[in-house]
Each structure stands twice: as C-alpha cells, then as structure tokens.
C-alpha atoms as a PDB file:
ATOM      1  CA  MET A   1     -31.083 -40.479  49.668  1.00  0.00           C
ATOM      2  CA  SER A   2     -29.390 -39.583  46.289  1.00  0.00           C
ATOM      3  CA  THR A   3     -28.182 -36.327  45.290  1.00  0.00           C
ATOM      4  CA  THR A   4     -30.413 -36.330  42.432  1.00  0.00           C
ATOM      5  CA  ARG A   5     -33.573 -37.239  44.434  1.00  0.00           C
ATOM      6  CA  LYS A   6     -32.707 -34.578  47.006  1.00  0.00           C
ATOM      7  CA  HIS A   7     -32.254 -31.649  44.439  1.00  0.00           C
ATOM      8  CA  THR A   8     -35.739 -32.445  42.872  1.00  0.00           C
ATOM      9  CA  ALA A   9     -37.514 -32.067  45.750  1.00  0.00           C
ATOM     10  CA  LEU A  10     -35.928 -28.701  46.991  1.00  0.00           C
ATOM     11  CA  PRO A  11     -38.015 -26.605  44.712  1.00  0.00           C
ATOM     12  CA  LYS A  12     -41.401 -28.323  46.310  1.00  0.00           C
ATOM     13  CA  ALA A  13     -39.723 -27.259  49.511  1.00  0.00           C
ATOM     14  CA  GLN A  14     -39.099 -23.349  48.380  1.00  0.00           C
ATOM     15  CA  ILE A  15     -42.555 -23.077  47.088  1.00  0.00           C
ATOM     16  CA  LEU A  16     -43.967 -24.295  50.417  1.00  0.00           C
ATOM     17  CA  ILE A  17     -41.456 -21.884  52.465  1.00  0.00           C
ATOM     18  CA  GLU A  18     -42.609 -18.950  50.178  1.00  0.00           C
ATOM     19  CA  ALA A  19     -46.183 -19.670  51.082  1.00  0.00           C
ATOM     20  CA  LEU A  20     -44.990 -19.313  54.904  1.00  0.00           C
ATOM     21  CA  PRO A  21     -45.929 -15.457  55.330  1.00  0.00           C
ATOM     22  CA  TRP A  22     -49.762 -15.838  53.894  1.00  0.00           C
ATOM     23  CA  LEU A  23     -50.302 -18.782  55.929  1.00  0.00           C
ATOM     24  CA  THR A  24     -49.260 -16.970  59.239  1.00  0.00           C
ATOM     25  CA  ARG A  25     -51.066 -13.679  57.920  1.00  0.00           C
ATOM     26  CA  HIS A  26     -54.301 -15.740  57.076  1.00  0.00           C
ATOM     27  CA  HIS A  27     -54.221 -18.333  60.046  1.00  0.00           C
ATOM     28  CA  GLY A  28     -57.622 -18.550  61.788  1.00  0.00           C
ATOM     29  CA  ARG A  29     -59.128 -15.891  59.344  1.00  0.00           C
ATOM     30  CA  ILE A  30     -62.451 -16.014  57.266  1.00  0.00           C
ATOM     31  CA  VAL A  31     -62.289 -16.131  53.699  1.00  0.00           C
ATOM     32  CA  VAL A  32     -65.353 -15.699  51.590  1.00  0.00           C
ATOM     33  CA  ILE A  33     -65.556 -17.011  47.998  1.00  0.00           C
ATOM     34  CA  LYS A  34     -68.053 -16.603  45.673  1.00  0.00           C
ATOM     35  CA  PHE A  35     -68.070 -19.333  43.305  1.00  0.00           C
ATOM     36  CA  GLY A  36     -69.439 -18.513  39.763  1.00  0.00           C
ATOM     37  CA  GLY A  37     -68.630 -18.329  35.942  1.00  0.00           C
ATOM     38  CA  ASN A  38     -66.801 -20.823  34.022  1.00  0.00           C
ATOM     39  CA  ALA A  39     -65.583 -22.545  37.028  1.00  0.00           C
ATOM     40  CA  MET A  40     -69.154 -23.915  37.807  1.00  0.00           C
ATOM     41  CA  VAL A  41     -69.759 -25.527  34.733  1.00  0.00           C
ATOM     42  CA  ASP A  42     -66.047 -27.068  33.605  1.00  0.00           C
ATOM     43  CA  GLU A  43     -65.571 -30.480  35.573  1.00  0.00           C
ATOM     44  CA  ASP A  44     -61.666 -29.861  35.926  1.00  0.00           C
ATOM     45  CA  LEU A  45     -62.369 -26.480  37.273  1.00  0.00           C
ATOM     46  CA  LYS A  46     -64.885 -27.531  39.468  1.00  0.00           C
ATOM     47  CA  ALA A  47     -62.629 -30.343  41.117  1.00  0.00           C
ATOM     48  CA  ALA A  48     -59.661 -27.860  41.333  1.00  0.00           C
ATOM     49  CA  PHE A  49     -61.975 -25.236  43.149  1.00  0.00           C
ATOM     50  CA  ALA A  50     -63.101 -28.006  45.685  1.00  0.00           C
ATOM     51  CA  GLN A  51     -59.178 -28.979  46.286  1.00  0.00           C
ATOM     52  CA  ASP A  52     -58.217 -25.363  46.733  1.00  0.00           C
ATOM     53  CA  VAL A  53     -60.921 -24.662  49.154  1.00  0.00           C
ATOM     54  CA  VAL A  54     -60.178 -27.813  51.289  1.00  0.00           C
ATOM     55  CA  PHE A  55     -56.779 -26.938  50.956  1.00  0.00           C
ATOM     56  CA  LEU A  56     -57.606 -23.507  52.631  1.00  0.00           C
ATOM     57  CA  ARG A  57     -59.138 -25.219  55.550  1.00  0.00           C
ATOM     58  CA  HIS A  58     -56.314 -27.442  56.028  1.00  0.00           C
ATOM     59  CA  ALA A  59     -54.247 -24.734  56.096  1.00  0.00           C
ATOM     60  CA  GLY A  60     -55.821 -22.994  58.999  1.00  0.00           C
ATOM     61  CA  LEU A  61     -58.201 -20.754  57.040  1.00  0.00           C
ATOM     62  CA  LYS A  62     -61.909 -20.717  57.365  1.00  0.00           C
ATOM     63  CA  PRO A  63     -63.275 -20.757  53.948  1.00  0.00           C
ATOM     64  CA  VAL A  64     -66.983 -19.903  53.366  1.00  0.00           C
ATOM     65  CA  VAL A  65     -68.496 -20.333  49.904  1.00  0.00           C
ATOM     66  CA  VAL A  66     -71.220 -18.446  48.432  1.00  0.00           C
ATOM     67  CA  HIS A  67     -72.817 -19.434  45.082  1.00  0.00           C
ATOM     68  CA  GLY A  68     -75.496 -18.319  42.441  1.00  0.00           C
ATOM     69  CA  GLY A  69     -76.094 -20.407  39.179  1.00  0.00           C
ATOM     70  CA  GLY A  70     -77.241 -18.377  36.507  1.00  0.00           C
ATOM     71  CA  PRO A  71     -76.443 -20.769  33.703  1.00  0.00           C
ATOM     72  CA  GLN A  72     -78.054 -23.464  35.456  1.00  0.00           C
ATOM     73  CA  ILE A  73     -81.352 -21.688  36.092  1.00  0.00           C
ATOM     74  CA  SER A  74     -81.749 -20.483  32.400  1.00  0.00           C
ATOM     75  CA  ALA A  75     -81.455 -24.303  31.409  1.00  0.00           C
ATOM     76  CA  ALA A  76     -83.942 -25.430  33.948  1.00  0.00           C
ATOM     77  CA  LEU A  77     -86.712 -22.676  33.343  1.00  0.00           C
ATOM     78  CA  ASP A  78     -86.098 -23.539  29.686  1.00  0.00           C
ATOM     79  CA  ARG A  79     -87.086 -26.844  30.378  1.00  0.00           C
ATOM     80  CA  HIS A  80     -89.909 -25.855  32.550  1.00  0.00           C
ATOM     81  CA  GLY A  81     -91.052 -23.880  29.841  1.00  0.00           C
ATOM     82  CA  ILE A  82     -90.489 -20.507  31.722  1.00  0.00           C
ATOM     83  CA  VAL A  83     -89.220 -17.672  29.436  1.00  0.00           C
ATOM     84  CA  SER A  84     -86.373 -15.620  31.231  1.00  0.00           C
ATOM     85  CA  GLU A  85     -86.926 -12.055  30.807  1.00  0.00           C
ATOM     86  CA  PHE A  86     -84.266  -9.383  31.697  1.00  0.00           C
ATOM     87  CA  LYS A  87     -84.827  -5.829  32.860  1.00  0.00           C
ATOM     88  CA  ALA A  88     -82.125  -3.096  34.219  1.00  0.00           C
ATOM     89  CA  GLY A  89     -79.630  -6.337  33.766  1.00  0.00           C
ATOM     90  CA  LEU A  90     -81.591  -8.543  36.268  1.00  0.00           C
ATOM     91  CA  ARG A  91     -83.597 -11.638  35.799  1.00  0.00           C
ATOM     92  CA  VAL A  92     -87.487 -11.150  36.396  1.00  0.00           C
ATOM     93  CA  THR A  93     -88.192 -13.794  38.874  1.00  0.00           C
ATOM     94  CA  THR A  94     -91.796 -14.526  38.860  1.00  0.00           C
ATOM     95  CA  GLU A  95     -93.377 -17.032  41.525  1.00  0.00           C
ATOM     96  CA  ASP A  96     -93.214 -19.878  39.094  1.00  0.00           C
ATOM     97  CA  ALA A  97     -89.729 -18.838  38.407  1.00  0.00           C
ATOM     98  CA  MET A  98     -88.793 -18.619  41.961  1.00  0.00           C
ATOM     99  CA  ASP A  99     -89.821 -22.373  42.792  1.00  0.00           C
ATOM    100  CA  VAL A 100     -87.406 -23.249  39.945  1.00  0.00           C
ATOM    101  CA  VAL A 101     -84.345 -20.795  41.066  1.00  0.00           C
ATOM    102  CA  ARG A 102     -84.692 -22.343  44.537  1.00  0.00           C
ATOM    103  CA  MET A 103     -85.146 -25.872  43.281  1.00  0.00           C
ATOM    104  CA  VAL A 104     -81.659 -25.245  41.232  1.00  0.00           C
ATOM    105  CA  LEU A 105     -79.768 -23.313  43.603  1.00  0.00           C
ATOM    106  CA  ALA A 106     -80.624 -25.279  46.936  1.00  0.00           C
ATOM    107  CA  GLY A 107     -81.224 -29.023  45.075  1.00  0.00           C
ATOM    108  CA  GLN A 108     -78.738 -28.889  42.482  1.00  0.00           C
ATOM    109  CA  VAL A 109     -75.816 -26.599  42.381  1.00  0.00           C
ATOM    110  CA  GLN A 110     -75.279 -26.811  46.303  1.00  0.00           C
ATOM    111  CA  ARG A 111     -75.693 -30.522  46.210  1.00  0.00           C
ATOM    112  CA  GLU A 112     -72.949 -30.676  43.578  1.00  0.00           C
ATOM    113  CA  LEU A 113     -70.615 -28.406  45.325  1.00  0.00           C
ATOM    114  CA  VAL A 114     -70.921 -29.994  48.683  1.00  0.00           C
ATOM    115  CA  GLY A 115     -70.463 -33.505  47.104  1.00  0.00           C
ATOM    116  CA  LEU A 116     -67.134 -32.363  45.396  1.00  0.00           C
ATOM    117  CA  LEU A 117     -65.929 -30.630  48.838  1.00  0.00           C
ATOM    118  CA  ASN A 118     -66.870 -33.628  50.739  1.00  0.00           C
ATOM    119  CA  GLN A 119     -65.036 -36.143  48.779  1.00  0.00           C
ATOM    120  CA  HIS A 120     -61.981 -34.666  50.846  1.00  0.00           C
ATOM    121  CA  GLY A 121     -63.503 -35.317  54.292  1.00  0.00           C
ATOM    122  CA  PRO A 122     -66.790 -34.389  56.260  1.00  0.00           C
ATOM    123  CA  PHE A 123     -66.231 -30.746  55.602  1.00  0.00           C
ATOM    124  CA  ALA A 124     -69.164 -29.004  53.648  1.00  0.00           C
ATOM    125  CA  VAL A 125     -72.589 -28.180  54.951  1.00  0.00           C
ATOM    126  CA  GLY A 126     -74.787 -26.343  52.607  1.00  0.00           C
ATOM    127  CA  LEU A 127     -77.715 -23.696  53.747  1.00  0.00           C
ATOM    128  CA  THR A 128     -79.612 -21.234  51.992  1.00  0.00           C
ATOM    129  CA  GLY A 129     -80.085 -17.703  53.142  1.00  0.00           C
ATOM    130  CA  GLU A 130     -83.347 -18.904  54.463  1.00  0.00           C
ATOM    131  CA  ASP A 131     -81.508 -20.974  57.126  1.00  0.00           C
ATOM    132  CA  ALA A 132     -81.268 -19.571  60.694  1.00  0.00           C
ATOM    133  CA  HIS A 133     -82.205 -16.234  59.240  1.00  0.00           C
ATOM    134  CA  THR A 134     -79.031 -16.056  57.328  1.00  0.00           C
ATOM    135  CA  ILE A 135     -79.891 -13.884  54.534  1.00  0.00           C
ATOM    136  CA  THR A 136     -82.832 -11.318  55.193  1.00  0.00           C
ATOM    137  CA  ALA A 137     -84.318  -9.286  51.813  1.00  0.00           C
ATOM    138  CA  THR A 138     -86.857  -7.076  50.865  1.00  0.00           C
ATOM    139  CA  ARG A 139     -88.324  -6.369  47.273  1.00  0.00           C
ATOM    140  CA  HIS A 140     -85.608  -4.766  45.191  1.00  0.00           C
ATOM    141  CA  THR A 141     -87.319  -2.260  42.665  1.00  0.00           C
ATOM    142  CA  PRO A 142     -84.820  -1.047  40.118  1.00  0.00           C
ATOM    143  CA  GLN A 143     -85.344   2.515  38.464  1.00  0.00           C
ATOM    144  CA  ILE A 144     -85.080   2.697  34.555  1.00  0.00           C
ATOM    145  CA  ASP A 145     -85.060   6.314  33.136  1.00  0.00           C
ATOM    146  CA  GLY A 146     -86.318   7.505  36.960  1.00  0.00           C
ATOM    147  CA  GLU A 147     -89.415   4.825  36.649  1.00  0.00           C
ATOM    148  CA  PRO A 148     -89.554   2.089  39.202  1.00  0.00           C
ATOM    149  CA  VAL A 149     -89.506  -1.367  37.489  1.00  0.00           C
ATOM    150  CA  ASP A 150     -91.111  -4.617  39.038  1.00  0.00           C
ATOM    151  CA  ILE A 151     -88.843  -7.608  38.565  1.00  0.00           C
ATOM    152  CA  GLY A 152     -90.691  -9.850  40.845  1.00  0.00           C
ATOM    153  CA  ARG A 153     -89.265 -11.682  43.535  1.00  0.00           C
ATOM    154  CA  VAL A 154     -85.607 -10.324  43.466  1.00  0.00           C
ATOM    155  CA  GLY A 155     -84.391  -9.389  46.727  1.00  0.00           C
ATOM    156  CA  GLU A 156     -82.370  -6.514  48.217  1.00  0.00           C
ATOM    157  CA  ILE A 157     -80.328  -7.684  51.013  1.00  0.00           C
ATOM    158  CA  THR A 158     -81.660  -5.800  54.359  1.00  0.00           C
ATOM    159  CA  GLU A 159     -80.198  -7.979  57.290  1.00  0.00           C
ATOM    160  CA  ILE A 160     -77.466 -10.787  57.983  1.00  0.00           C
ATOM    161  CA  ASP A 161     -77.480 -13.218  60.708  1.00  0.00           C
ATOM    162  CA  THR A 162     -74.031 -14.838  60.916  1.00  0.00           C
ATOM    163  CA  GLY A 163     -74.793 -17.220  63.832  1.00  0.00           C
ATOM    164  CA  ALA A 164     -75.329 -20.878  61.901  1.00  0.00           C
ATOM    165  CA  ILE A 165     -72.446 -19.848  59.840  1.00  0.00           C
ATOM    166  CA  GLU A 166     -70.395 -19.117  62.628  1.00  0.00           C
ATOM    167  CA  ALA A 167     -71.280 -21.965  64.428  1.00  0.00           C
ATOM    168  CA  LEU A 168     -70.321 -24.323  61.444  1.00  0.00           C
ATOM    169  CA  LEU A 169     -66.838 -22.561  61.144  1.00  0.00           C
ATOM    170  CA  ALA A 170     -66.277 -23.168  64.771  1.00  0.00           C
ATOM    171  CA  ASP A 171     -66.959 -26.972  64.258  1.00  0.00           C
ATOM    172  CA  GLY A 172     -64.606 -26.917  61.605  1.00  0.00           C
ATOM    173  CA  ARG A 173     -66.750 -27.099  58.533  1.00  0.00           C
ATOM    174  CA  ILE A 174     -67.205 -25.280  55.722  1.00  0.00           C
ATOM    175  CA  PRO A 175     -70.562 -23.471  54.745  1.00  0.00           C
ATOM    176  CA  VAL A 176     -71.723 -23.631  51.234  1.00  0.00           C
ATOM    177  CA  VAL A 177     -74.503 -20.955  50.835  1.00  0.00           C
ATOM    178  CA  SER A 178     -77.012 -20.520  48.307  1.00  0.00           C
ATOM    179  CA  SER A 179     -77.838 -16.921  47.530  1.00  0.00           C
ATOM    180  CA  ILE A 180     -81.633 -17.038  48.444  1.00  0.00           C
ATOM    181  CA  ALA A 181     -82.997 -14.971  51.087  1.00  0.00           C
ATOM    182  CA  ARG A 182     -85.887 -15.219  53.587  1.00  0.00           C
ATOM    183  CA  SER A 183     -88.384 -12.080  52.977  1.00  0.00           C
ATOM    184  CA  GLN A 184     -88.702  -9.237  55.822  1.00  0.00           C
ATOM    185  CA  ASP A 185     -92.095  -8.721  54.685  1.00  0.00           C
ATOM    186  CA  ASP A 186     -94.029 -11.511  53.435  1.00  0.00           C
ATOM    187  CA  GLY A 187     -93.847 -15.221  54.147  1.00  0.00           C
ATOM    188  CA  HIS A 188     -91.927 -15.751  50.563  1.00  0.00           C
ATOM    189  CA  VAL A 189     -88.398 -15.975  49.558  1.00  0.00           C
ATOM    190  CA  TYR A 190     -86.266 -14.064  47.275  1.00  0.00           C
ATOM    191  CA  ASN A 191     -83.671 -14.313  44.676  1.00  0.00           C
ATOM    192  CA  VAL A 192     -80.554 -12.330  45.531  1.00  0.00           C
ATOM    193  CA  ASN A 193     -77.453 -11.548  43.376  1.00  0.00           C
ATOM    194  CA  ALA A 194     -74.902 -13.920  44.411  1.00  0.00           C
ATOM    195  CA  ASP A 195     -71.940 -11.278  44.282  1.00  0.00           C
ATOM    196  CA  THR A 196     -73.959  -9.085  46.519  1.00  0.00           C
ATOM    197  CA  ALA A 197     -74.914 -11.996  48.996  1.00  0.00           C
ATOM    198  CA  ALA A 198     -71.028 -12.892  49.122  1.00  0.00           C
ATOM    199  CA  ALA A 199     -70.235  -9.124  49.800  1.00  0.00           C
ATOM    200  CA  ALA A 200     -72.494  -8.953  52.640  1.00  0.00           C
ATOM    201  CA  LEU A 201     -71.711 -11.863  54.264  1.00  0.00           C
ATOM    202  CA  ALA A 202     -68.005 -11.128  54.067  1.00  0.00           C
ATOM    203  CA  ALA A 203     -68.708  -7.718  55.871  1.00  0.00           C
ATOM    204  CA  ALA A 204     -70.831  -9.141  58.765  1.00  0.00           C
ATOM    205  CA  LEU A 205     -68.601 -12.189  59.354  1.00  0.00           C
ATOM    206  CA  GLY A 206     -65.541  -9.923  59.701  1.00  0.00           C
ATOM    207  CA  ALA A 207     -63.492 -11.889  56.663  1.00  0.00           C
ATOM    208  CA  GLU A 208     -60.450 -11.101  55.695  1.00  0.00           C
ATOM    209  CA  THR A 209     -60.521 -11.447  52.342  1.00  0.00           C
ATOM    210  CA  LEU A 210     -63.632 -11.740  49.772  1.00  0.00           C
ATOM    211  CA  MET A 211     -62.671 -13.298  46.503  1.00  0.00           C
ATOM    212  CA  VAL A 212     -65.221 -13.354  43.683  1.00  0.00           C
ATOM    213  CA  LEU A 213     -64.579 -15.683  40.593  1.00  0.00           C
ATOM    214  CA  THR A 214     -65.224 -14.432  37.218  1.00  0.00           C
ATOM    215  CA  ASP A 215     -64.622 -15.585  33.689  1.00  0.00           C
ATOM    216  CA  VAL A 216     -62.316 -12.364  32.814  1.00  0.00           C
ATOM    217  CA  GLU A 217     -58.699 -11.703  33.980  1.00  0.00           C
ATOM    218  CA  GLY A 218     -60.030  -8.842  36.426  1.00  0.00           C
ATOM    219  CA  LEU A 219     -60.809  -5.371  35.995  1.00  0.00           C
ATOM    220  CA  TYR A 220     -59.409  -4.096  32.652  1.00  0.00           C
ATOM    221  CA  GLU A 221     -57.765  -0.552  32.481  1.00  0.00           C
ATOM    222  CA  ASP A 222     -59.406   0.413  29.245  1.00  0.00           C
ATOM    223  CA  TRP A 223     -61.673  -1.990  27.945  1.00  0.00           C
ATOM    224  CA  PRO A 224     -61.974  -2.731  25.184  1.00  0.00           C
ATOM    225  CA  HIS A 225     -59.076  -0.781  23.898  1.00  0.00           C
ATOM    226  CA  SER A 226     -56.657  -2.454  26.396  1.00  0.00           C
ATOM    227  CA  ASP A 227     -56.521  -6.034  28.009  1.00  0.00           C
ATOM    228  CA  GLU A 228     -53.927  -4.106  30.685  1.00  0.00           C
ATOM    229  CA  VAL A 229     -55.481  -5.620  33.966  1.00  0.00           C
ATOM    230  CA  ILE A 230     -55.631  -3.082  36.949  1.00  0.00           C
ATOM    231  CA  SER A 231     -53.738  -5.145  39.931  1.00  0.00           C
ATOM    232  CA  ARG A 232     -54.677  -2.941  43.215  1.00  0.00           C
ATOM    233  CA  LEU A 233     -56.954  -0.247  43.677  1.00  0.00           C
ATOM    234  CA  THR A 234     -58.408   1.297  46.552  1.00  0.00           C
ATOM    235  CA  ALA A 235     -62.235   1.914  47.345  1.00  0.00           C
ATOM    236  CA  SER A 236     -62.053   5.381  46.252  1.00  0.00           C
ATOM    237  CA  GLN A 237     -60.446   4.606  42.850  1.00  0.00           C
ATOM    238  CA  LEU A 238     -63.095   1.920  42.146  1.00  0.00           C
ATOM    239  CA  GLU A 239     -66.091   4.288  43.118  1.00  0.00           C
ATOM    240  CA  LYS A 240     -64.687   6.363  40.261  1.00  0.00           C
ATOM    241  CA  LEU A 241     -64.725   3.467  37.985  1.00  0.00           C
ATOM    242  CA  LEU A 242     -67.805   2.014  38.650  1.00  0.00           C
ATOM    243  CA  PRO A 243     -69.980   4.178  36.126  1.00  0.00           C
ATOM    244  CA  GLU A 244     -67.839   3.085  33.417  1.00  0.00           C
ATOM    245  CA  LEU A 245     -68.290  -0.856  33.971  1.00  0.00           C
ATOM    246  CA  SER A 246     -69.849  -3.145  32.161  1.00  0.00           C
ATOM    247  CA  SER A 247     -72.922  -4.404  33.449  1.00  0.00           C
ATOM    248  CA  GLY A 248     -71.616  -7.831  34.234  1.00  0.00           C
ATOM    249  CA  MET A 249     -68.728  -6.523  36.265  1.00  0.00           C
ATOM    250  CA  VAL A 250     -71.145  -3.795  38.244  1.00  0.00           C
ATOM    251  CA  PRO A 251     -72.649  -6.175  40.991  1.00  0.00           C
ATOM    252  CA  LYS A 252     -68.978  -7.614  41.361  1.00  0.00           C
ATOM    253  CA  MET A 253     -67.223  -4.433  41.842  1.00  0.00           C
ATOM    254  CA  GLU A 254     -69.871  -2.802  43.875  1.00  0.00           C
ATOM    255  CA  GLY A 255     -69.471  -6.093  46.028  1.00  0.00           C
ATOM    256  CA  CYS A 256     -65.835  -5.356  46.539  1.00  0.00           C
ATOM    257  CA  LEU A 257     -66.397  -1.978  47.282  1.00  0.00           C
ATOM    258  CA  HIS A 258     -69.059  -2.706  50.131  1.00  0.00           C
ATOM    259  CA  ALA A 259     -66.808  -5.349  51.393  1.00  0.00           C
ATOM    260  CA  VAL A 260     -63.966  -3.380  52.046  1.00  0.00           C
ATOM    261  CA  ARG A 261     -66.284  -0.506  53.237  1.00  0.00           C
ATOM    262  CA  GLY A 262     -67.472  -2.629  55.707  1.00  0.00           C
ATOM    263  CA  GLY A 263     -64.147  -3.852  57.194  1.00  0.00           C
ATOM    264  CA  VAL A 264     -63.122  -6.671  54.596  1.00  0.00           C
ATOM    265  CA  ARG A 265     -59.065  -6.285  54.622  1.00  0.00           C
ATOM    266  CA  THR A 266     -59.189  -7.043  50.845  1.00  0.00           C
ATOM    267  CA  ALA A 267     -61.677  -7.912  48.154  1.00  0.00           C
ATOM    268  CA  ARG A 268     -60.396  -9.516  45.008  1.00  0.00           C
ATOM    269  CA  VAL A 269     -61.799 -10.340  41.736  1.00  0.00           C
ATOM    270  CA  ILE A 270     -59.799 -13.484  40.125  1.00  0.00           C
ATOM    271  CA  ASP A 271     -59.971 -15.471  37.061  1.00  0.00           C
ATOM    272  CA  GLY A 272     -61.974 -18.391  37.569  1.00  0.00           C
ATOM    273  CA  ARG A 273     -60.679 -20.118  34.097  1.00  0.00           C
ATOM    274  CA  VAL A 274     -57.493 -20.716  35.955  1.00  0.00           C
ATOM    275  CA  GLN A 275     -56.554 -23.848  37.900  1.00  0.00           C
ATOM    276  CA  HIS A 276     -56.096 -23.152  41.395  1.00  0.00           C
ATOM    277  CA  SER A 277     -56.336 -19.480  41.077  1.00  0.00           C
ATOM    278  CA  ILE A 278     -57.583 -19.329  44.524  1.00  0.00           C
ATOM    279  CA  LEU A 279     -54.524 -20.637  46.004  1.00  0.00           C
ATOM    280  CA  LEU A 280     -52.177 -18.545  43.626  1.00  0.00           C
ATOM    281  CA  GLU A 281     -54.018 -15.284  44.736  1.00  0.00           C
ATOM    282  CA  ILE A 282     -53.756 -16.280  48.465  1.00  0.00           C
ATOM    283  CA  PHE A 283     -50.497 -17.743  48.826  1.00  0.00           C
ATOM    284  CA  THR A 284     -48.190 -16.101  46.077  1.00  0.00           C
ATOM    285  CA  ASP A 285     -46.835 -12.809  45.199  1.00  0.00           C
ATOM    286  CA  GLU A 286     -48.448 -13.405  41.865  1.00  0.00           C
ATOM    287  CA  GLY A 287     -51.652 -11.950  42.875  1.00  0.00           C
ATOM    288  CA  ILE A 288     -54.023 -12.883  39.340  1.00  0.00           C
ATOM    289  CA  GLY A 289     -56.431 -10.580  39.535  1.00  0.00           C
ATOM    290  CA  THR A 290     -57.755  -7.188  40.832  1.00  0.00           C
ATOM    291  CA  MET A 291     -57.454  -6.215  44.580  1.00  0.00           C
ATOM    292  CA  VAL A 292     -59.411  -3.741  46.056  1.00  0.00           C
ATOM    293  CA  VAL A 293     -58.172  -2.418  49.555  1.00  0.00           C
ATOM    294  CA  PRO A 294     -59.545   0.371  51.702  1.00  0.00           C
ATOM    295  CA  ASP A 295     -58.474   3.821  51.001  1.00  0.00           C
ATOM    296  CA  GLU A 296     -56.112   3.878  54.415  1.00  0.00           C
ATOM    297  CA  ALA A 297     -54.621   0.529  53.168  1.00  0.00           C
ATOM    298  CA  GLU A 298     -52.932   2.392  50.227  1.00  0.00           C
ATOM    299  CA  GLY A 299     -49.530   2.433  51.865  1.00  0.00           C
ATOM    300  CA  ASP A 300     -49.489  -1.332  52.720  1.00  0.00           C
ATOM    301  CA  LYS A 301     -48.726  -3.757  50.285  1.00  0.00           C
ATOM    302  CA  SER A 302     -50.123  -6.810  51.715  1.00  0.00           C
END
C-alpha cells in the first residue's frame, strides 16, 4: 500500500476508534427513538434515519422506533373532507377521524418506515400499540380554564406490555411502533401522542436512552431572545422550565422527564434536520441536542 493511501485511510480509523467507548457502553442496550418532524417528510433525511437505525442494530444496540404522523394525518383528513380541530393543543379525534388516523399511521407511515429499514436486511417489524396489548389507554380529558374538554378518541396511556417488543428484540428485529393504543374501557382504539408513547415505552423497556427527533436544535435557553441551546440539564431543572416552554416542546420535554424519572439513563431531544444526527448523538462527544439526565447523575458526564 502506498504511503499516501495509508495516510488518507487513517482519519477513518481514528473516527471508528473514537466511537469505541460509546460502542462499549451501549452494547446490548435498548435505545428508543421517536421519529418525527421534518425527518419524516424529507427523502434524504428518511434514508439517513434508516441507515442510522440499522447501523445501531449492527453495532450491537437494540433500537426501537416509535412514530406519529401529524402532517400525514392532516393531509389525509383534508382529502377525506374531515376538518381538523385543535383544543388545548391536541387534535380533536372523532370516530371518523380515528379511522383515518389509524389508516395513515399503521397503513402508510409505518409501512414506509419498515420498507426503508428493510432495504438493509430483514430487520423491521411494524406494530401498533393495539398488538399484544403493547399500549393501553383510557380517554384523555384535558382541562381548559378549569373545565374538562372532550377531544374525542385521544388517549392517556395507562399500561405498557413490552412482551411483543422484547420478543422481537431477542430475535434481532427492529420494532416500529405506531402511536395507537387499545382502549382500556371499550372495544375501540385511541390516538396517543407519539412523544408520550415513546417515553412510556422507554421507561417500561428499561432503555438506556430515549431520543426524540425534532425540527429545532434542542431546548433553547431563552427563546426567542437567544438561540443558545441548553446541552444538558437534570430532571429537576427541566421540571422548573416546563411551564415556560412552547406548546410543541411540552410533550417532548415531559416525555424526557417521564423517561429519566422512570429509570432511563438519558433522554435527548435532537435536531432531526441534521443528517445522521442519531449517530452523532450516540457515538461522539459532539452531542447535538439537549440531554436530560436523572438528578443523581449530575456529576456523571457520560
């Protein structure tokens, strides 16, 4: 091998070696990834996301993907002539709308994601929270100005059964979970927030990490006055910030809080607009989002 060729290959080896401590730490661990935002609609980002998840699987981690599909649901409801109404930041889901939500999430978004992952091998298996009682919910009735508001078939998660997901992971598969829950109280199904579902699954699975893809760089320190991103904060620090957050970030950050309080080692909100953001976040020092850690982990910089 010529000297030149040897030298040009060296940086690649350096990059791989830098990943070694992270590979060691995460080996055999479960990582729950909430797929959403721009990464769901941009073709290049979707392809990069699939590569990252399969890379994690080959690197000895156990990825679990959870997805919603807000933009796709809105488009399908428009096509069916069903008007989308929002109350308290939550979509009002009528019986008719729920049929469309289920069709879009399980029959369109999930299928596409499974297809992208399976271009790399026989890995991904799609399911919804209905399958094997994975996610059970009861009706969510939010309060607006102290009054309960009916938002239809929107669920609040009451129980997680990880059996089907654990069986798939043990078989070397990548579970792809649509955020639909079976009903605890009637024979119907509920639409559940995908951020909340990902956090609940991460806690129930004893995941090492929850990663939530967003369309922002992370949690901003003093938005809109500053675009400085908070790179790390504890559960207690996050809890104090929650009342000040924009409505779109609340379920994401509440999910991170729930996850770390439920035993997940770190929860991260990362910029899904950056190609390969998952690999950057897991295998490098250059974390590219906001990481939430349990209170007792403050001294631990991992």
